[in-house]
Protein backbone atom coordinates (compact mmCIF):
# COMPACT_ATOMS: atom_id res chain seq x y z
CA MET A 1 0.00 0.00 0.00
CA LYS A 2 2.79 2.45 0.78
CA ASN A 3 4.24 2.10 -2.71
CA LYS A 4 0.94 3.05 -4.41
CA GLU A 5 0.42 6.01 -2.10
CA SER A 6 3.86 7.40 -2.90
CA ASN A 7 3.22 6.95 -6.63
CA PHE A 8 -0.03 8.91 -6.36
CA LEU A 9 1.78 11.65 -4.48
CA LEU A 10 4.51 11.77 -7.10
CA TYR A 11 2.00 11.89 -9.96
CA GLY A 12 0.05 14.60 -8.17
CA LEU A 13 3.16 16.72 -7.70
CA VAL A 14 4.20 16.35 -11.36
CA ILE A 15 0.73 17.10 -12.73
CA GLY A 16 0.29 20.00 -10.30
CA GLY A 17 3.66 21.45 -11.34
CA VAL A 18 2.80 21.20 -15.04
CA LEU A 19 -0.62 22.79 -14.52
CA SER A 20 0.74 25.60 -12.37
CA ALA A 21 3.52 26.33 -14.88
CA GLY A 22 0.95 26.48 -17.67
CA LEU A 23 -1.24 28.80 -15.62
CA VAL A 24 1.70 31.10 -14.87
CA ILE A 25 2.65 31.25 -18.56
CA PHE A 26 -0.95 31.97 -19.58
CA LEU A 27 -1.48 34.73 -17.02
CA SER A 28 1.90 36.35 -17.65
CA SER A 29 1.28 36.46 -21.41
CA ARG A 30 -2.10 38.13 -20.80
CA PHE A 31 -0.45 40.64 -18.46
CA ILE A 32 2.30 41.44 -20.96
CA SER A 33 -0.13 41.87 -23.86
CA LYS A 34 -2.37 44.11 -21.73
CA THR A 35 0.52 46.34 -20.67
CA ASN A 36 1.77 46.62 -24.26
CA ARG A 37 -1.73 47.54 -25.46
CA ASN A 38 -2.07 50.19 -22.73
CA LYS A 39 1.35 51.57 -23.61
CA ARG A 40 0.38 51.86 -27.29
CA GLU A 41 -2.89 53.57 -26.36
CA ARG A 42 -1.12 56.10 -24.13
CA LYS A 43 1.42 56.79 -26.87
CA ASN A 44 -1.32 57.29 -29.46
CA LYS A 45 -3.25 59.59 -27.11
CA PHE A 46 -0.09 61.63 -26.56
CA TYR A 47 0.52 62.07 -30.29
CA GLU A 48 -3.17 62.82 -30.90
CA GLY A 49 -2.96 65.53 -28.25
CA ILE A 50 0.07 67.07 -29.92
CA ASP A 51 -1.65 66.90 -33.30
CA ASP A 52 -4.71 68.61 -31.85
CA ILE A 53 -2.58 71.42 -30.47
CA PHE A 54 -0.82 72.08 -33.76
CA GLU A 55 -3.92 71.64 -35.90
CA ALA A 56 -5.90 74.03 -33.73
CA SER A 57 -3.18 76.65 -33.94
CA ALA A 58 -2.79 76.21 -37.69
CA LYS A 59 -6.52 76.36 -38.46
CA SER A 60 -7.41 79.28 -36.25
CA SER A 61 -6.97 82.61 -37.87
CA GLN A 62 -5.27 85.08 -35.63
CA ASP A 63 -7.23 88.24 -34.97
CA ASP A 64 -5.70 91.52 -33.93
CA ASP A 65 -6.58 90.72 -30.31
CA THR A 66 -4.83 87.34 -30.25
CA ARG A 67 -1.82 88.26 -32.36
CA ILE A 68 1.43 88.66 -30.43
CA ASP A 69 3.99 91.09 -31.74
CA LYS A 70 7.71 90.37 -31.75
CA GLU A 71 8.47 92.52 -28.69
CA THR A 72 5.91 90.73 -26.54
CA GLU A 73 7.10 87.35 -27.78
CA ALA A 74 10.72 88.23 -26.99
CA GLY A 75 9.68 89.46 -23.52
CA ILE A 76 7.84 86.21 -22.79
CA ILE A 77 10.81 84.12 -23.92
CA ASP A 78 13.24 86.19 -21.85
CA GLU A 79 10.99 85.88 -18.79
CA LEU A 80 10.69 82.12 -19.16
CA PHE A 81 14.39 81.48 -19.59
CA SER A 82 15.63 84.03 -17.06
CA ARG A 83 13.93 82.33 -14.09
CA THR A 84 16.03 80.20 -11.80
CA ASN A 85 14.72 76.92 -10.52
């Protein structure tokens, strides 16, 4: 009787190891594919946001109120780059 019990234990350990390894591989592949998909979506959203910014600025016609002259633009740039962190 002892011999059969030890064989069942051995078979159970082997089958359990194979099943758990398969489960780990399956779940890790799902996790990796999900993270890659999320990364692609974030990247696409980033580039869509940049495209929206540039398309909006290119399509909008600048009125006299929204137009910035060269002196004001130079003053803004100087102010931005003259600040210390």
